[in-house]
Amino acid sequence: MKFGMRKPSIRKSIAARTSVKRFVRHNLGLKAPRGYGWITNPKKYMYNKIYNRTTFNIFSLLKKLFK
């Protein structure tokens, strides 16, 4: 598990937004409502919950500094 600052990756963010899997899910309406991650994949839900609490994004840090 990572602690501290997350290092942004432009390549990964572009790949996630242009993937075939995402395109199919969004167009067919196969998405679960927000907050239902614990039903669809409980293990991934718990990992992401802990990861998001123990790390921070550099862009959110910059946003707080210049606000």
N, C-alpha and C. Protein backbone atom coordinates (compact mmCIF):
# COMPACT_ATOMS: atom_id res chain seq x y z
N MET A 1 0.85 -1.18 0.00
CA MET A 1 0.00 0.00 0.00
C MET A 1 0.88 1.23 0.00
N LYS A 2 0.49 2.22 -0.74
CA LYS A 2 1.27 3.44 -0.87
C LYS A 2 0.80 4.47 0.16
N PHE A 3 1.74 5.23 0.68
CA PHE A 3 1.44 6.33 1.59
C PHE A 3 2.09 7.59 1.04
N GLY A 4 1.41 8.70 1.14
CA GLY A 4 1.99 9.96 0.69
C GLY A 4 1.46 10.42 -0.66
N MET A 5 2.32 11.07 -1.43
CA MET A 5 1.91 11.69 -2.68
C MET A 5 1.87 10.70 -3.84
N ARG A 6 0.79 10.78 -4.64
CA ARG A 6 0.69 9.97 -5.84
C ARG A 6 1.38 10.69 -6.98
N LYS A 7 2.09 9.95 -7.82
CA LYS A 7 2.78 10.52 -8.97
C LYS A 7 1.85 10.42 -10.19
N PRO A 8 1.47 11.53 -10.80
CA PRO A 8 0.54 11.46 -11.93
C PRO A 8 1.18 10.85 -13.17
N SER A 9 0.39 10.13 -13.95
CA SER A 9 0.84 9.54 -15.19
C SER A 9 -0.12 9.95 -16.30
N ILE A 10 0.33 10.78 -17.21
CA ILE A 10 -0.53 11.23 -18.30
C ILE A 10 -0.92 10.06 -19.20
N ARG A 11 0.03 9.16 -19.45
CA ARG A 11 -0.24 8.01 -20.32
C ARG A 11 -1.36 7.14 -19.75
N LYS A 12 -1.34 6.87 -18.45
CA LYS A 12 -2.37 6.03 -17.83
C LYS A 12 -3.73 6.72 -17.78
N SER A 13 -3.73 8.04 -17.58
CA SER A 13 -5.01 8.74 -17.53
C SER A 13 -5.67 8.79 -18.90
N ILE A 14 -4.87 8.94 -19.96
CA ILE A 14 -5.42 8.91 -21.31
C ILE A 14 -5.91 7.52 -21.66
N ALA A 15 -5.14 6.49 -21.29
CA ALA A 15 -5.52 5.11 -21.58
C ALA A 15 -6.83 4.74 -20.89
N ALA A 16 -7.04 5.22 -19.67
CA ALA A 16 -8.26 4.91 -18.93
C ALA A 16 -9.48 5.55 -19.57
N ARG A 17 -9.32 6.74 -20.12
CA ARG A 17 -10.45 7.45 -20.71
C ARG A 17 -10.78 6.99 -22.12
N THR A 18 -9.86 6.33 -22.79
CA THR A 18 -10.09 5.91 -24.18
C THR A 18 -10.15 4.39 -24.32
N SER A 19 -10.35 3.65 -23.23
CA SER A 19 -10.37 2.20 -23.30
C SER A 19 -11.69 1.71 -23.89
N VAL A 20 -11.62 0.56 -24.54
CA VAL A 20 -12.81 -0.05 -25.14
C VAL A 20 -13.79 -0.47 -24.06
N LYS A 21 -13.26 -1.01 -22.97
CA LYS A 21 -14.11 -1.46 -21.85
C LYS A 21 -14.96 -0.31 -21.31
N ARG A 22 -14.36 0.86 -21.12
CA ARG A 22 -15.09 2.02 -20.61
C ARG A 22 -16.14 2.49 -21.61
N PHE A 23 -15.78 2.50 -22.88
CA PHE A 23 -16.69 2.92 -23.94
C PHE A 23 -17.94 2.04 -23.97
N VAL A 24 -17.75 0.73 -23.89
CA VAL A 24 -18.87 -0.21 -23.92
C VAL A 24 -19.75 -0.04 -22.69
N ARG A 25 -19.14 0.06 -21.52
CA ARG A 25 -19.92 0.21 -20.29
C ARG A 25 -20.77 1.47 -20.28
N HIS A 26 -20.21 2.57 -20.74
CA HIS A 26 -20.94 3.83 -20.73
C HIS A 26 -22.06 3.85 -21.76
N ASN A 27 -21.81 3.27 -22.94
CA ASN A 27 -22.83 3.29 -23.99
C ASN A 27 -23.96 2.31 -23.74
N LEU A 28 -23.70 1.18 -23.12
CA LEU A 28 -24.74 0.20 -22.86
C LEU A 28 -25.45 0.43 -21.53
N GLY A 29 -24.92 1.34 -20.71
CA GLY A 29 -25.56 1.64 -19.43
C GLY A 29 -25.37 0.54 -18.40
N LEU A 30 -24.23 -0.12 -18.40
CA LEU A 30 -23.97 -1.23 -17.48
C LEU A 30 -23.34 -0.77 -16.17
N LYS A 31 -23.30 0.53 -15.93
CA LYS A 31 -22.67 1.06 -14.73
C LYS A 31 -23.63 0.96 -13.54
N ALA A 32 -23.06 0.64 -12.39
CA ALA A 32 -23.83 0.65 -11.15
C ALA A 32 -23.86 2.09 -10.63
N PRO A 33 -24.89 2.45 -9.86
CA PRO A 33 -24.95 3.80 -9.29
C PRO A 33 -23.77 4.08 -8.36
N ARG A 34 -23.49 5.36 -8.14
CA ARG A 34 -22.39 5.74 -7.25
C ARG A 34 -22.63 5.17 -5.86
N GLY A 35 -21.56 4.67 -5.24
CA GLY A 35 -21.67 4.12 -3.91
C GLY A 35 -21.98 2.63 -3.87
N TYR A 36 -22.13 1.98 -5.02
CA TYR A 36 -22.44 0.56 -5.07
C TYR A 36 -21.21 -0.30 -5.32
N GLY A 37 -20.01 0.27 -5.17
CA GLY A 37 -18.79 -0.48 -5.39
C GLY A 37 -18.62 -1.65 -4.44
N TRP A 38 -19.14 -1.52 -3.23
CA TRP A 38 -19.04 -2.59 -2.25
C TRP A 38 -19.86 -3.81 -2.66
N ILE A 39 -20.84 -3.64 -3.55
CA ILE A 39 -21.65 -4.76 -4.03
C ILE A 39 -20.97 -5.42 -5.23
N THR A 40 -20.47 -4.61 -6.16
CA THR A 40 -19.90 -5.15 -7.39
C THR A 40 -18.54 -5.81 -7.18
N ASN A 41 -17.67 -5.21 -6.33
CA ASN A 41 -16.34 -5.78 -6.09
C ASN A 41 -15.86 -5.32 -4.71
N PRO A 42 -16.21 -6.04 -3.65
CA PRO A 42 -15.89 -5.61 -2.28
C PRO A 42 -14.39 -5.48 -2.00
N LYS A 43 -13.58 -6.37 -2.57
CA LYS A 43 -12.14 -6.32 -2.32
C LYS A 43 -11.53 -5.05 -2.91
N LYS A 44 -11.91 -4.71 -4.12
CA LYS A 44 -11.42 -3.50 -4.78
C LYS A 44 -11.94 -2.26 -4.06
N TYR A 45 -13.18 -2.31 -3.58
CA TYR A 45 -13.78 -1.20 -2.84
C TYR A 45 -12.97 -0.86 -1.59
N MET A 46 -12.61 -1.89 -0.81
CA MET A 46 -11.85 -1.66 0.42
C MET A 46 -10.44 -1.15 0.12
N TYR A 47 -9.79 -1.72 -0.90
CA TYR A 47 -8.45 -1.26 -1.28
C TYR A 47 -8.49 0.20 -1.67
N ASN A 48 -9.43 0.59 -2.53
CA ASN A 48 -9.51 1.97 -3.00
C ASN A 48 -9.86 2.94 -1.87
N LYS A 49 -10.70 2.49 -0.94
CA LYS A 49 -11.07 3.34 0.19
C LYS A 49 -9.85 3.67 1.05
N ILE A 50 -9.04 2.66 1.34
CA ILE A 50 -7.82 2.87 2.14
C ILE A 50 -6.79 3.68 1.36
N TYR A 51 -6.61 3.35 0.08
CA TYR A 51 -5.62 4.03 -0.77
C TYR A 51 -5.94 5.52 -0.88
N ASN A 52 -7.20 5.85 -1.08
CA ASN A 52 -7.58 7.26 -1.23
C ASN A 52 -7.46 8.05 0.07
N ARG A 53 -7.50 7.38 1.20
CA ARG A 53 -7.34 8.07 2.49
C ARG A 53 -5.87 8.24 2.88
N THR A 54 -4.99 7.37 2.37
CA THR A 54 -3.59 7.42 2.77
C THR A 54 -2.69 8.14 1.77
N THR A 55 -3.21 8.49 0.61
CA THR A 55 -2.41 9.18 -0.40
C THR A 55 -3.11 10.47 -0.80
N PHE A 56 -2.36 11.34 -1.48
CA PHE A 56 -2.96 12.57 -2.00
C PHE A 56 -2.37 12.87 -3.36
N ASN A 57 -3.11 13.62 -4.15
CA ASN A 57 -2.73 13.98 -5.50
C ASN A 57 -2.03 15.33 -5.49
N ILE A 58 -1.00 15.47 -6.30
CA ILE A 58 -0.26 16.73 -6.35
C ILE A 58 -1.13 17.87 -6.87
N PHE A 59 -2.09 17.55 -7.77
CA PHE A 59 -2.95 18.59 -8.32
C PHE A 59 -3.92 19.13 -7.26
N SER A 60 -4.42 18.26 -6.40
CA SER A 60 -5.30 18.74 -5.33
C SER A 60 -4.52 19.58 -4.32
N LEU A 61 -3.26 19.23 -4.12
CA LEU A 61 -2.40 20.01 -3.23
C LEU A 61 -2.17 21.41 -3.80
N LEU A 62 -1.89 21.50 -5.10
CA LEU A 62 -1.70 22.80 -5.75
C LEU A 62 -2.98 23.63 -5.73
N LYS A 63 -4.11 22.96 -5.88
CA LYS A 63 -5.39 23.66 -5.88
C LYS A 63 -5.64 24.31 -4.52
N LYS A 64 -5.27 23.62 -3.44
CA LYS A 64 -5.46 24.15 -2.09
C LYS A 64 -4.51 25.33 -1.84
N LEU A 65 -3.30 25.25 -2.38
CA LEU A 65 -2.32 26.33 -2.17
C LEU A 65 -2.71 27.62 -2.88
N PHE A 66 -3.26 27.52 -4.08
CA PHE A 66 -3.59 28.70 -4.85
C PHE A 66 -5.04 29.12 -4.74
N LYS A 67 -5.77 28.59 -3.81
CA LYS A 67 -7.17 28.95 -3.64
C LYS A 67 -7.32 30.16 -2.77
